[in-house]
Amino acid sequence: MTISKQGIEEHWTYRTAEWLYEVVLRAIGCMLSAKAVAVPLLRRFAGVYLEDGSSVVLPDALERSWRGCRGGNGASEGTKAGVKLTLRLDLVHGGLQGPMLQDGRAHESKSLVQSIPLAKGALWIADMGYFALVRLAQVSQAGVYFLMPLKDGVVMWLEGKRADVLNVLQARGADEQEYEVYLGAAKQVKCRVVARRASEEQVKRRHKKQDAYARKHGR
């Protein structure tokens, strides 16, 4: 068919955007449906779900539809609009939930993916951005296991007594340690803390990353 540039422009509507989003979801679902793994360790769980999010900066003109972070400065250009995509990948069955869309400034824990329940006996893996005691308590009560880094400053109880994780690790001194603990002032989350001493190479790499972050933010 023959159509002018103006004709094409008129078809870029909200309805078109929704249609393209559905196409993307179906395409991703088909592409990943055969990527299941056959690792015996993972097969012990009803599902192994890896959840994460990623942000995409959009033109400032889209701020009314997708609010960005503004880079911490209201006068910043190019950061007024942004969209965050969050998704949950099932490593056992190869399925994918998402990507779900939300404002770029919104936290990952507010993602619509969080509203999709996890099966009892499943393992949920996420980074520290998803660490919230209320959420972890809900996950545990539903019979779901979780795996993520321990957030600094969280109250920890060991053998009925309040303990500092760093002091506990230093007192024993072993390169690998494991403890059953409760997290939260009200002891609302029971979990297992597993610690492994970082190698010299890992320490140097982390220090280098911290230095780069400090320089970038003028600290």
N, C-alpha and C. Protein backbone atom coordinates (compact mmCIF):
# COMPACT_ATOMS: atom_id res chain seq x y z
N MET A 1 0.84 -1.20 0.00
CA MET A 1 0.00 0.00 0.00
C MET A 1 0.88 1.24 0.00
N THR A 2 0.30 2.34 -0.43
CA THR A 2 1.01 3.61 -0.45
C THR A 2 0.48 4.48 0.67
N ILE A 3 1.39 5.05 1.47
CA ILE A 3 0.98 5.91 2.59
C ILE A 3 2.02 7.00 2.77
N SER A 4 1.57 8.15 3.14
CA SER A 4 2.48 9.29 3.34
C SER A 4 3.10 9.23 4.73
N LYS A 5 4.15 10.04 4.91
CA LYS A 5 4.78 10.11 6.23
C LYS A 5 3.78 10.61 7.27
N GLN A 6 2.95 11.56 6.87
CA GLN A 6 1.94 12.08 7.80
C GLN A 6 0.92 10.99 8.17
N GLY A 7 0.61 10.14 7.19
CA GLY A 7 -0.31 9.04 7.45
C GLY A 7 0.23 8.07 8.48
N ILE A 8 1.52 7.76 8.35
CA ILE A 8 2.17 6.88 9.34
C ILE A 8 2.16 7.53 10.71
N GLU A 9 2.47 8.82 10.75
CA GLU A 9 2.52 9.56 12.01
C GLU A 9 1.17 9.51 12.74
N GLU A 10 0.10 9.60 11.99
CA GLU A 10 -1.24 9.58 12.59
C GLU A 10 -1.56 8.25 13.25
N HIS A 11 -0.88 7.19 12.85
CA HIS A 11 -1.15 5.87 13.42
C HIS A 11 -0.33 5.59 14.69
N TRP A 12 0.60 6.50 15.04
CA TRP A 12 1.37 6.31 16.27
C TRP A 12 0.55 6.85 17.44
N THR A 13 -0.38 6.05 17.90
CA THR A 13 -1.29 6.42 18.98
C THR A 13 -1.05 5.53 20.19
N TYR A 14 -1.77 5.83 21.27
CA TYR A 14 -1.67 5.02 22.48
C TYR A 14 -2.12 3.58 22.18
N ARG A 15 -3.14 3.44 21.33
CA ARG A 15 -3.62 2.11 20.97
C ARG A 15 -2.52 1.33 20.24
N THR A 16 -1.79 2.01 19.37
CA THR A 16 -0.68 1.37 18.65
C THR A 16 0.40 0.91 19.63
N ALA A 17 0.70 1.77 20.61
CA ALA A 17 1.71 1.43 21.60
C ALA A 17 1.32 0.19 22.39
N GLU A 18 0.04 0.10 22.78
CA GLU A 18 -0.43 -1.08 23.50
C GLU A 18 -0.31 -2.33 22.64
N TRP A 19 -0.65 -2.20 21.37
CA TRP A 19 -0.57 -3.34 20.45
C TRP A 19 0.88 -3.82 20.30
N LEU A 20 1.80 -2.87 20.12
CA LEU A 20 3.21 -3.24 19.98
C LEU A 20 3.74 -3.89 21.26
N TYR A 21 3.26 -3.41 22.41
CA TYR A 21 3.68 -4.00 23.69
C TYR A 21 3.24 -5.46 23.77
N GLU A 22 2.02 -5.76 23.34
CA GLU A 22 1.53 -7.13 23.34
C GLU A 22 2.35 -8.00 22.38
N VAL A 23 2.74 -7.44 21.24
CA VAL A 23 3.57 -8.17 20.28
C VAL A 23 4.91 -8.53 20.92
N VAL A 24 5.49 -7.55 21.63
CA VAL A 24 6.77 -7.80 22.31
C VAL A 24 6.64 -8.91 23.33
N LEU A 25 5.58 -8.88 24.15
CA LEU A 25 5.38 -9.91 25.17
C LEU A 25 5.26 -11.30 24.56
N ARG A 26 4.51 -11.41 23.47
CA ARG A 26 4.33 -12.73 22.83
C ARG A 26 5.63 -13.20 22.18
N ALA A 27 6.34 -12.26 21.57
CA ALA A 27 7.60 -12.63 20.91
C ALA A 27 8.63 -13.12 21.91
N ILE A 28 8.74 -12.42 23.04
CA ILE A 28 9.68 -12.83 24.08
C ILE A 28 9.28 -14.17 24.65
N GLY A 29 7.97 -14.37 24.87
CA GLY A 29 7.49 -15.64 25.40
C GLY A 29 7.84 -16.81 24.50
N CYS A 30 7.69 -16.62 23.19
CA CYS A 30 8.02 -17.69 22.23
C CYS A 30 9.52 -17.94 22.21
N MET A 31 10.30 -16.88 22.27
CA MET A 31 11.75 -17.00 22.16
C MET A 31 12.35 -17.74 23.35
N LEU A 32 11.77 -17.54 24.54
CA LEU A 32 12.35 -18.11 25.75
C LEU A 32 11.68 -19.41 26.19
N SER A 33 10.65 -19.83 25.50
CA SER A 33 9.90 -21.01 25.94
C SER A 33 10.73 -22.29 25.89
N ALA A 34 11.80 -22.32 25.10
CA ALA A 34 12.60 -23.53 24.96
C ALA A 34 13.94 -23.43 25.69
N LYS A 35 14.09 -22.42 26.58
CA LYS A 35 15.35 -22.19 27.25
C LYS A 35 15.40 -22.79 28.66
N ALA A 36 14.56 -23.76 28.94
CA ALA A 36 14.56 -24.38 30.26
C ALA A 36 15.86 -25.14 30.49
N VAL A 37 16.27 -25.25 31.75
CA VAL A 37 17.51 -25.93 32.09
C VAL A 37 17.21 -27.26 32.78
N ALA A 38 18.16 -28.18 32.72
CA ALA A 38 17.98 -29.50 33.32
C ALA A 38 19.01 -29.73 34.42
N VAL A 39 19.19 -28.74 35.29
CA VAL A 39 20.13 -28.85 36.40
C VAL A 39 19.42 -29.54 37.57
N PRO A 40 19.91 -30.69 38.02
CA PRO A 40 19.23 -31.43 39.10
C PRO A 40 18.99 -30.58 40.35
N LEU A 41 19.93 -29.72 40.71
CA LEU A 41 19.78 -28.90 41.91
C LEU A 41 18.55 -27.99 41.79
N LEU A 42 18.35 -27.40 40.61
CA LEU A 42 17.21 -26.50 40.42
C LEU A 42 15.89 -27.26 40.35
N ARG A 43 15.96 -28.53 39.92
CA ARG A 43 14.75 -29.33 39.78
C ARG A 43 14.13 -29.68 41.13
N ARG A 44 14.85 -29.40 42.21
CA ARG A 44 14.29 -29.67 43.53
C ARG A 44 13.16 -28.71 43.88
N PHE A 45 13.12 -27.58 43.16
CA PHE A 45 12.13 -26.55 43.47
C PHE A 45 10.97 -26.60 42.47
N ALA A 46 9.82 -26.08 42.91
CA ALA A 46 8.65 -26.01 42.03
C ALA A 46 8.90 -25.04 40.87
N GLY A 47 9.85 -24.16 41.05
CA GLY A 47 10.26 -23.20 40.03
C GLY A 47 11.39 -22.37 40.60
N VAL A 48 12.27 -21.90 39.75
CA VAL A 48 13.37 -21.04 40.19
C VAL A 48 13.23 -19.74 39.42
N TYR A 49 12.82 -18.69 40.11
CA TYR A 49 12.48 -17.43 39.47
C TYR A 49 13.55 -16.37 39.73
N LEU A 50 14.09 -15.83 38.68
CA LEU A 50 15.08 -14.75 38.75
C LEU A 50 14.38 -13.45 38.37
N GLU A 51 14.31 -12.51 39.30
CA GLU A 51 13.56 -11.26 39.07
C GLU A 51 14.50 -10.06 39.10
N ASP A 52 14.29 -9.15 38.14
CA ASP A 52 15.13 -7.95 38.08
C ASP A 52 14.44 -6.89 37.24
N GLY A 53 15.03 -5.70 37.22
CA GLY A 53 14.48 -4.60 36.45
C GLY A 53 15.58 -3.80 35.78
N SER A 54 15.21 -3.05 34.77
CA SER A 54 16.16 -2.21 34.04
C SER A 54 15.46 -0.94 33.60
N SER A 55 16.17 0.18 33.64
CA SER A 55 15.58 1.47 33.29
C SER A 55 16.04 1.93 31.91
N VAL A 56 15.13 2.61 31.21
CA VAL A 56 15.42 3.16 29.89
C VAL A 56 15.04 4.64 29.90
N VAL A 57 15.98 5.51 29.55
CA VAL A 57 15.71 6.94 29.49
C VAL A 57 14.91 7.26 28.24
N LEU A 58 13.88 8.11 28.39
CA LEU A 58 13.02 8.50 27.28
C LEU A 58 13.12 10.01 27.04
N PRO A 59 12.68 10.48 25.90
CA PRO A 59 12.67 11.93 25.63
C PRO A 59 11.86 12.67 26.68
N ASP A 60 12.31 13.88 27.07
CA ASP A 60 11.64 14.65 28.12
C ASP A 60 10.17 14.90 27.82
N ALA A 61 9.81 14.91 26.55
CA ALA A 61 8.43 15.18 26.17
C ALA A 61 7.46 14.12 26.68
N LEU A 62 7.97 12.95 27.07
CA LEU A 62 7.11 11.86 27.55
C LEU A 62 6.98 11.84 29.07
N GLU A 63 7.39 12.93 29.72
CA GLU A 63 7.36 12.96 31.19
C GLU A 63 5.96 12.74 31.74
N ARG A 64 4.94 13.24 31.07
CA ARG A 64 3.57 13.09 31.57
C ARG A 64 3.13 11.63 31.57
N SER A 65 3.68 10.84 30.66
CA SER A 65 3.30 9.42 30.57
C SER A 65 4.22 8.54 31.40
N TRP A 66 5.53 8.85 31.39
CA TRP A 66 6.51 8.03 32.10
C TRP A 66 7.47 8.95 32.84
N ARG A 67 7.29 9.06 34.14
CA ARG A 67 8.10 9.98 34.95
C ARG A 67 9.47 9.39 35.23
N GLY A 68 10.51 10.16 34.94
CA GLY A 68 11.87 9.73 35.16
C GLY A 68 12.40 10.17 36.51
N CYS A 69 13.71 10.00 36.71
CA CYS A 69 14.33 10.30 38.00
C CYS A 69 14.86 11.73 38.07
N ARG A 70 15.00 12.40 36.92
CA ARG A 70 15.57 13.74 36.83
C ARG A 70 17.01 13.78 37.29
N GLY A 71 17.63 12.64 37.51
CA GLY A 71 19.04 12.61 37.89
C GLY A 71 19.32 13.29 39.21
N GLY A 72 18.29 13.41 40.06
CA GLY A 72 18.48 14.07 41.35
C GLY A 72 18.51 15.58 41.25
N ASN A 73 18.31 16.12 40.05
CA ASN A 73 18.37 17.56 39.86
C ASN A 73 17.22 17.96 38.96
N GLY A 74 16.33 18.81 39.45
CA GLY A 74 15.16 19.21 38.69
C GLY A 74 15.50 19.90 37.39
N ALA A 75 16.70 20.46 37.29
CA ALA A 75 17.10 21.17 36.07
C ALA A 75 17.80 20.27 35.07
N SER A 76 18.01 19.02 35.42
CA SER A 76 18.72 18.10 34.54
C SER A 76 17.94 17.86 33.26
N GLU A 77 18.63 17.84 32.16
CA GLU A 77 18.00 17.57 30.88
C GLU A 77 18.18 16.09 30.53
N GLY A 78 17.19 15.55 29.86
CA GLY A 78 17.30 14.18 29.40
C GLY A 78 16.96 13.13 30.43
N THR A 79 16.53 13.54 31.63
CA THR A 79 16.20 12.55 32.67
C THR A 79 14.80 12.76 33.23
N LYS A 80 14.01 13.63 32.60
CA LYS A 80 12.67 13.89 33.11
C LYS A 80 11.73 12.72 32.85
N ALA A 81 11.99 11.97 31.79
CA ALA A 81 11.13 10.84 31.44
C ALA A 81 11.94 9.55 31.38
N GLY A 82 11.32 8.49 31.80
CA GLY A 82 12.00 7.19 31.76
C GLY A 82 11.01 6.09 32.08
N VAL A 83 11.30 4.89 31.62
CA VAL A 83 10.45 3.74 31.89
C VAL A 83 11.30 2.63 32.48
N LYS A 84 10.74 1.92 33.43
CA LYS A 84 11.44 0.80 34.05
C LYS A 84 10.73 -0.49 33.65
N LEU A 85 11.51 -1.45 33.17
CA LEU A 85 10.98 -2.75 32.77
C LEU A 85 11.39 -3.78 33.81
N THR A 86 10.43 -4.48 34.37
CA THR A 86 10.73 -5.52 35.34
C THR A 86 10.18 -6.84 34.83
N LEU A 87 10.91 -7.91 35.12
CA LEU A 87 10.48 -9.22 34.64
C LEU A 87 10.94 -10.31 35.60
N ARG A 88 10.33 -11.48 35.43
CA ARG A 88 10.65 -12.65 36.26
C ARG A 88 10.84 -13.84 35.33
N LEU A 89 12.04 -14.41 35.34
CA LEU A 89 12.40 -15.53 34.47
C LEU A 89 12.41 -16.83 35.26
N ASP A 90 11.71 -17.83 34.77
CA ASP A 90 11.68 -19.15 35.40
C ASP A 90 12.77 -20.01 34.77
N LEU A 91 13.83 -20.26 35.51
CA LEU A 91 14.97 -21.00 34.98
C LEU A 91 14.67 -22.49 34.78
N VAL A 92 13.70 -23.02 35.50
CA VAL A 92 13.39 -24.45 35.41
C VAL A 92 12.55 -24.76 34.18
N HIS A 93 11.47 -23.99 33.99
CA HIS A 93 10.54 -24.27 32.91
C HIS A 93 10.75 -23.39 31.68
N GLY A 94 11.58 -22.34 31.81
CA GLY A 94 11.87 -21.49 30.67
C GLY A 94 10.83 -20.44 30.40
N GLY A 95 9.88 -20.23 31.31
CA GLY A 95 8.85 -19.23 31.11
C GLY A 95 9.31 -17.85 31.53
N LEU A 96 8.54 -16.84 31.14
CA LEU A 96 8.88 -15.46 31.46
C LEU A 96 7.61 -14.70 31.84
N GLN A 97 7.66 -13.97 32.95
CA GLN A 97 6.57 -13.10 33.36
C GLN A 97 7.05 -11.66 33.18
N GLY A 98 6.39 -10.92 32.28
CA GLY A 98 6.82 -9.57 31.96
C GLY A 98 7.46 -9.54 30.59
N PRO A 99 8.15 -8.46 30.25
CA PRO A 99 8.44 -7.32 31.12
C PRO A 99 7.21 -6.44 31.37
N MET A 100 7.09 -6.01 32.64
CA MET A 100 6.04 -5.07 33.03
C MET A 100 6.63 -3.66 33.01
N LEU A 101 5.80 -2.68 32.67
CA LEU A 101 6.27 -1.31 32.55
C LEU A 101 5.80 -0.46 33.73
N GLN A 102 6.67 0.45 34.19
CA GLN A 102 6.32 1.38 35.25
C GLN A 102 7.18 2.63 35.10
N ASP A 103 6.84 3.69 35.85
CA ASP A 103 7.63 4.92 35.79
C ASP A 103 9.09 4.64 36.12
N GLY A 104 9.97 5.36 35.45
CA GLY A 104 11.39 5.17 35.68
C GLY A 104 11.80 5.45 37.11
N ARG A 105 11.09 6.33 37.79
CA ARG A 105 11.44 6.68 39.17
C ARG A 105 10.87 5.69 40.19
N ALA A 106 9.99 4.80 39.75
CA ALA A 106 9.36 3.83 40.66
C ALA A 106 10.34 2.74 41.06
N HIS A 107 10.21 2.26 42.28
CA HIS A 107 11.09 1.22 42.80
C HIS A 107 10.68 -0.14 42.25
N GLU A 108 11.68 -1.03 42.10
CA GLU A 108 11.39 -2.37 41.57
C GLU A 108 10.35 -3.11 42.41
N SER A 109 10.35 -2.84 43.72
CA SER A 109 9.42 -3.54 44.60
C SER A 109 7.96 -3.17 44.33
N LYS A 110 7.74 -2.10 43.56
CA LYS A 110 6.39 -1.67 43.20
C LYS A 110 5.95 -2.25 41.86
N SER A 111 6.76 -3.11 41.30
CA SER A 111 6.46 -3.67 39.98
C SER A 111 5.19 -4.52 40.01
N LEU A 112 4.48 -4.54 38.89
CA LEU A 112 3.29 -5.38 38.78
C LEU A 112 3.64 -6.86 38.82
N VAL A 113 4.90 -7.18 38.54
CA VAL A 113 5.33 -8.58 38.61
C VAL A 113 5.17 -9.11 40.03
N GLN A 114 5.31 -8.21 41.02
CA GLN A 114 5.19 -8.60 42.42
C GLN A 114 3.78 -9.12 42.75
N SER A 115 2.80 -8.72 41.95
CA SER A 115 1.42 -9.15 42.21
C SER A 115 1.15 -10.56 41.70
N ILE A 116 2.08 -11.12 40.92
CA ILE A 116 1.91 -12.49 40.41
C ILE A 116 2.42 -13.46 41.48
N PRO A 117 1.57 -14.31 42.05
CA PRO A 117 2.00 -15.19 43.14
C PRO A 117 3.00 -16.25 42.67
N LEU A 118 3.87 -16.63 43.59
CA LEU A 118 4.85 -17.69 43.34
C LEU A 118 4.32 -19.00 43.92
N ALA A 119 4.60 -20.10 43.25
CA ALA A 119 4.11 -21.40 43.69
C ALA A 119 4.83 -21.85 44.97
N LYS A 120 4.11 -22.56 45.81
CA LYS A 120 4.70 -23.11 47.03
C LYS A 120 5.84 -24.05 46.65
N GLY A 121 6.99 -23.89 47.32
CA GLY A 121 8.14 -24.71 47.01
C GLY A 121 9.06 -24.12 45.96
N ALA A 122 8.73 -22.90 45.48
CA ALA A 122 9.57 -22.25 44.47
C ALA A 122 10.71 -21.49 45.15
N LEU A 123 11.72 -21.14 44.36
CA LEU A 123 12.86 -20.35 44.84
C LEU A 123 12.86 -19.02 44.10
N TRP A 124 12.84 -17.93 44.85
CA TRP A 124 12.82 -16.58 44.29
C TRP A 124 14.18 -15.93 44.51
N ILE A 125 14.83 -15.51 43.41
CA ILE A 125 16.17 -14.91 43.48
C ILE A 125 16.08 -13.46 43.00
N ALA A 126 16.59 -12.53 43.81
CA ALA A 126 16.56 -11.11 43.45
C ALA A 126 17.75 -10.41 44.09
N ASP A 127 18.04 -9.19 43.61
CA ASP A 127 19.16 -8.44 44.18
C ASP A 127 18.68 -7.63 45.38
N MET A 128 19.60 -6.83 45.96
CA MET A 128 19.28 -6.12 47.19
C MET A 128 18.19 -5.06 47.00
N GLY A 129 17.96 -4.65 45.76
CA GLY A 129 16.92 -3.67 45.52
C GLY A 129 15.53 -4.16 45.91
N TYR A 130 15.37 -5.48 46.01
CA TYR A 130 14.08 -6.07 46.36
C TYR A 130 14.00 -6.43 47.85
N PHE A 131 15.05 -6.11 48.61
CA PHE A 131 15.08 -6.51 50.02
C PHE A 131 14.09 -5.65 50.82
N ALA A 132 13.05 -6.29 51.33
CA ALA A 132 12.06 -5.65 52.19
C ALA A 132 11.52 -6.72 53.13
N LEU A 133 11.63 -6.50 54.43
CA LEU A 133 11.25 -7.53 55.39
C LEU A 133 9.77 -7.93 55.27
N VAL A 134 8.92 -6.96 54.96
CA VAL A 134 7.49 -7.26 54.81
C VAL A 134 7.29 -8.23 53.65
N ARG A 135 7.96 -7.96 52.54
CA ARG A 135 7.84 -8.83 51.36
C ARG A 135 8.43 -10.20 51.64
N LEU A 136 9.57 -10.27 52.30
CA LEU A 136 10.21 -11.56 52.59
C LEU A 136 9.36 -12.38 53.55
N ALA A 137 8.69 -11.72 54.49
CA ALA A 137 7.81 -12.43 55.41
C ALA A 137 6.63 -13.04 54.65
N GLN A 138 6.08 -12.29 53.70
CA GLN A 138 4.97 -12.80 52.89
C GLN A 138 5.40 -13.99 52.05
N VAL A 139 6.59 -13.88 51.46
CA VAL A 139 7.12 -14.97 50.63
C VAL A 139 7.31 -16.23 51.47
N SER A 140 7.88 -16.08 52.66
CA SER A 140 8.13 -17.23 53.53
C SER A 140 6.83 -17.89 53.97
N GLN A 141 5.85 -17.07 54.33
CA GLN A 141 4.56 -17.61 54.78
C GLN A 141 3.85 -18.37 53.67
N ALA A 142 4.15 -18.02 52.42
CA ALA A 142 3.55 -18.71 51.28
C ALA A 142 4.30 -19.99 50.92
N GLY A 143 5.34 -20.32 51.70
CA GLY A 143 6.09 -21.54 51.44
C GLY A 143 7.10 -21.41 50.31
N VAL A 144 7.53 -20.18 50.04
CA VAL A 144 8.49 -19.92 48.97
C VAL A 144 9.85 -19.62 49.57
N TYR A 145 10.92 -20.15 48.96
CA TYR A 145 12.28 -19.86 49.40
C TYR A 145 12.77 -18.60 48.69
N PHE A 146 13.70 -17.88 49.31
CA PHE A 146 14.27 -16.70 48.66
C PHE A 146 15.78 -16.69 48.83
N LEU A 147 16.46 -16.06 47.88
CA LEU A 147 17.92 -15.95 47.89
C LEU A 147 18.30 -14.56 47.44
N MET A 148 18.96 -13.79 48.32
CA MET A 148 19.39 -12.44 47.98
C MET A 148 20.44 -11.95 48.98
N PRO A 149 21.17 -10.89 48.65
CA PRO A 149 22.18 -10.38 49.59
C PRO A 149 21.53 -9.85 50.86
N LEU A 150 22.27 -9.92 51.95
CA LEU A 150 21.78 -9.40 53.24
C LEU A 150 22.00 -7.89 53.27
N LYS A 151 20.95 -7.15 53.56
CA LYS A 151 21.04 -5.69 53.59
C LYS A 151 21.70 -5.22 54.88
N ASP A 152 22.62 -4.28 54.74
CA ASP A 152 23.35 -3.74 55.89
C ASP A 152 22.39 -3.00 56.83
N GLY A 153 22.57 -3.20 58.12
CA GLY A 153 21.77 -2.49 59.11
C GLY A 153 20.51 -3.20 59.55
N VAL A 154 20.18 -4.33 58.94
CA VAL A 154 18.98 -5.06 59.33
C VAL A 154 19.24 -5.79 60.65
N VAL A 155 18.29 -5.70 61.57
CA VAL A 155 18.42 -6.36 62.87
C VAL A 155 18.43 -7.87 62.68
N MET A 156 19.42 -8.54 63.30
CA MET A 156 19.56 -9.98 63.17
C MET A 156 19.60 -10.64 64.54
N TRP A 157 18.91 -11.78 64.67
CA TRP A 157 18.87 -12.52 65.92
C TRP A 157 19.49 -13.90 65.71
N LEU A 158 20.46 -14.24 66.55
CA LEU A 158 21.15 -15.52 66.47
C LEU A 158 21.06 -16.20 67.82
N GLU A 159 20.48 -17.41 67.84
CA GLU A 159 20.31 -18.18 69.07
C GLU A 159 19.58 -17.37 70.13
N GLY A 160 18.57 -16.63 69.70
CA GLY A 160 17.73 -15.88 70.62
C GLY A 160 18.30 -14.55 71.07
N LYS A 161 19.50 -14.21 70.62
CA LYS A 161 20.13 -12.95 71.03
C LYS A 161 20.39 -12.06 69.82
N ARG A 162 20.25 -10.77 70.01
CA ARG A 162 20.52 -9.83 68.92
C ARG A 162 22.02 -9.83 68.62
N ALA A 163 22.36 -9.92 67.35
CA ALA A 163 23.77 -10.06 66.97
C ALA A 163 24.10 -9.18 65.77
N ASP A 164 25.37 -8.78 65.71
CA ASP A 164 25.88 -8.03 64.56
C ASP A 164 26.57 -9.02 63.63
N VAL A 165 26.13 -9.07 62.38
CA VAL A 165 26.62 -10.10 61.47
C VAL A 165 28.13 -10.01 61.27
N LEU A 166 28.68 -8.80 61.19
CA LEU A 166 30.11 -8.66 60.97
C LEU A 166 30.90 -9.15 62.17
N ASN A 167 30.42 -8.84 63.38
CA ASN A 167 31.11 -9.31 64.59
C ASN A 167 31.07 -10.82 64.69
N VAL A 168 29.95 -11.41 64.31
CA VAL A 168 29.83 -12.88 64.34
C VAL A 168 30.82 -13.52 63.39
N LEU A 169 30.92 -13.01 62.18
CA LEU A 169 31.83 -13.57 61.18
C LEU A 169 33.29 -13.40 61.61
N GLN A 170 33.63 -12.24 62.15
CA GLN A 170 35.01 -11.98 62.56
C GLN A 170 35.41 -12.82 63.77
N ALA A 171 34.45 -13.08 64.66
CA ALA A 171 34.76 -13.85 65.86
C ALA A 171 35.13 -15.29 65.52
N ARG A 172 34.43 -15.86 64.54
CA ARG A 172 34.73 -17.24 64.16
C ARG A 172 35.92 -17.31 63.21
N GLY A 173 35.99 -16.39 62.27
CA GLY A 173 37.16 -16.28 61.40
C GLY A 173 37.23 -17.26 60.24
N ALA A 174 36.32 -18.22 60.14
CA ALA A 174 36.37 -19.21 59.06
C ALA A 174 36.03 -18.56 57.72
N ASP A 175 36.58 -19.11 56.63
CA ASP A 175 36.34 -18.55 55.30
C ASP A 175 34.91 -18.78 54.83
N GLU A 176 34.26 -19.83 55.31
CA GLU A 176 32.86 -20.09 54.97
C GLU A 176 32.08 -20.34 56.26
N GLN A 177 30.95 -19.63 56.40
CA GLN A 177 30.15 -19.74 57.61
C GLN A 177 28.67 -19.76 57.24
N GLU A 178 27.88 -20.38 58.12
CA GLU A 178 26.45 -20.53 57.85
C GLU A 178 25.69 -20.52 59.17
N TYR A 179 24.60 -19.73 59.24
CA TYR A 179 23.84 -19.59 60.48
C TYR A 179 22.34 -19.53 60.18
N GLU A 180 21.54 -20.09 61.10
CA GLU A 180 20.10 -19.93 61.05
C GLU A 180 19.76 -18.74 61.94
N VAL A 181 19.09 -17.74 61.37
CA VAL A 181 18.83 -16.51 62.09
C VAL A 181 17.40 -16.05 61.85
N TYR A 182 17.01 -15.03 62.61
CA TYR A 182 15.77 -14.30 62.38
C TYR A 182 16.15 -12.87 62.03
N LEU A 183 15.42 -12.26 61.10
CA LEU A 183 15.67 -10.89 60.70
C LEU A 183 14.51 -10.00 61.11
N GLY A 184 14.84 -8.75 61.46
CA GLY A 184 13.81 -7.79 61.85
C GLY A 184 13.69 -7.67 63.36
N ALA A 185 13.35 -6.47 63.82
CA ALA A 185 13.23 -6.24 65.26
C ALA A 185 12.21 -7.15 65.91
N ALA A 186 11.16 -7.52 65.17
CA ALA A 186 10.12 -8.39 65.71
C ALA A 186 10.34 -9.86 65.34
N LYS A 187 11.54 -10.18 64.82
CA LYS A 187 11.89 -11.54 64.43
C LYS A 187 10.87 -12.11 63.43
N GLN A 188 10.55 -11.30 62.41
CA GLN A 188 9.48 -11.73 61.51
C GLN A 188 9.92 -12.61 60.36
N VAL A 189 11.22 -12.69 60.06
CA VAL A 189 11.67 -13.49 58.93
C VAL A 189 12.76 -14.47 59.38
N LYS A 190 12.47 -15.78 59.26
CA LYS A 190 13.46 -16.80 59.57
C LYS A 190 14.20 -17.16 58.29
N CYS A 191 15.51 -17.19 58.35
CA CYS A 191 16.28 -17.52 57.14
C CYS A 191 17.65 -18.06 57.53
N ARG A 192 18.42 -18.37 56.51
CA ARG A 192 19.76 -18.89 56.70
C ARG A 192 20.75 -17.90 56.07
N VAL A 193 21.73 -17.48 56.83
CA VAL A 193 22.77 -16.58 56.34
C VAL A 193 23.99 -17.40 55.97
N VAL A 194 24.41 -17.28 54.73
CA VAL A 194 25.59 -17.99 54.24
C VAL A 194 26.64 -16.95 53.84
N ALA A 195 27.84 -17.06 54.40
CA ALA A 195 28.90 -16.10 54.12
C ALA A 195 30.15 -16.80 53.63
N ARG A 196 30.78 -16.21 52.63
CA ARG A 196 32.04 -16.74 52.10
C ARG A 196 33.01 -15.58 51.94
N ARG A 197 34.23 -15.77 52.45
CA ARG A 197 35.22 -14.69 52.39
C ARG A 197 35.60 -14.39 50.95
N ALA A 198 35.63 -13.11 50.62
CA ALA A 198 35.99 -12.69 49.26
C ALA A 198 37.48 -12.90 49.02
N SER A 199 37.83 -13.24 47.79
CA SER A 199 39.23 -13.40 47.42
C SER A 199 39.87 -12.02 47.27
N GLU A 200 41.20 -11.99 47.21
CA GLU A 200 41.91 -10.72 47.04
C GLU A 200 41.49 -10.06 45.72
N GLU A 201 41.30 -10.86 44.70
CA GLU A 201 40.88 -10.33 43.41
C GLU A 201 39.49 -9.68 43.51
N GLN A 202 38.59 -10.32 44.23
CA GLN A 202 37.25 -9.76 44.40
C GLN A 202 37.29 -8.46 45.20
N VAL A 203 38.13 -8.44 46.24
CA VAL A 203 38.25 -7.24 47.07
C VAL A 203 38.76 -6.06 46.25
N LYS A 204 39.81 -6.30 45.44
CA LYS A 204 40.37 -5.23 44.60
C LYS A 204 39.33 -4.73 43.60
N ARG A 205 38.56 -5.66 43.02
CA ARG A 205 37.56 -5.27 42.04
C ARG A 205 36.45 -4.43 42.69
N ARG A 206 36.05 -4.80 43.90
CA ARG A 206 35.00 -4.05 44.60
C ARG A 206 35.50 -2.67 45.02
N HIS A 207 36.76 -2.59 45.48
CA HIS A 207 37.32 -1.30 45.85
C HIS A 207 37.41 -0.38 44.63
N LYS A 208 37.79 -0.94 43.51
CA LYS A 208 37.89 -0.16 42.27
C LYS A 208 36.52 0.37 41.87
N LYS A 209 35.51 -0.46 42.02
CA LYS A 209 34.14 -0.05 41.69
C LYS A 209 33.66 1.05 42.62
N GLN A 210 33.99 0.93 43.91
CA GLN A 210 33.60 1.96 44.88
C GLN A 210 34.30 3.28 44.59
N ASP A 211 35.58 3.22 44.21
CA ASP A 211 36.33 4.44 43.88
C ASP A 211 35.72 5.13 42.67
N ALA A 212 35.35 4.35 41.67
CA ALA A 212 34.74 4.93 40.47
C ALA A 212 33.41 5.59 40.81
N TYR A 213 32.63 4.95 41.68
CA TYR A 213 31.35 5.52 42.08
C TYR A 213 31.55 6.83 42.85
N ALA A 214 32.57 6.84 43.73
CA ALA A 214 32.85 8.05 44.51
C ALA A 214 33.27 9.22 43.63
N ARG A 215 34.12 8.92 42.65
CA ARG A 215 34.56 9.99 41.73
C ARG A 215 33.39 10.54 40.92
N LYS A 216 32.52 9.65 40.49
CA LYS A 216 31.37 10.06 39.67
C LYS A 216 30.45 10.98 40.44
N HIS A 217 30.32 10.75 41.74
CA HIS A 217 29.40 11.54 42.56
C HIS A 217 30.13 12.58 43.41
N GLY A 218 31.42 12.80 43.14
CA GLY A 218 32.17 13.84 43.82
C GLY A 218 32.35 13.61 45.31
N ARG A 219 32.57 12.36 45.68
CA ARG A 219 32.73 12.03 47.11
C ARG A 219 34.15 11.59 47.42
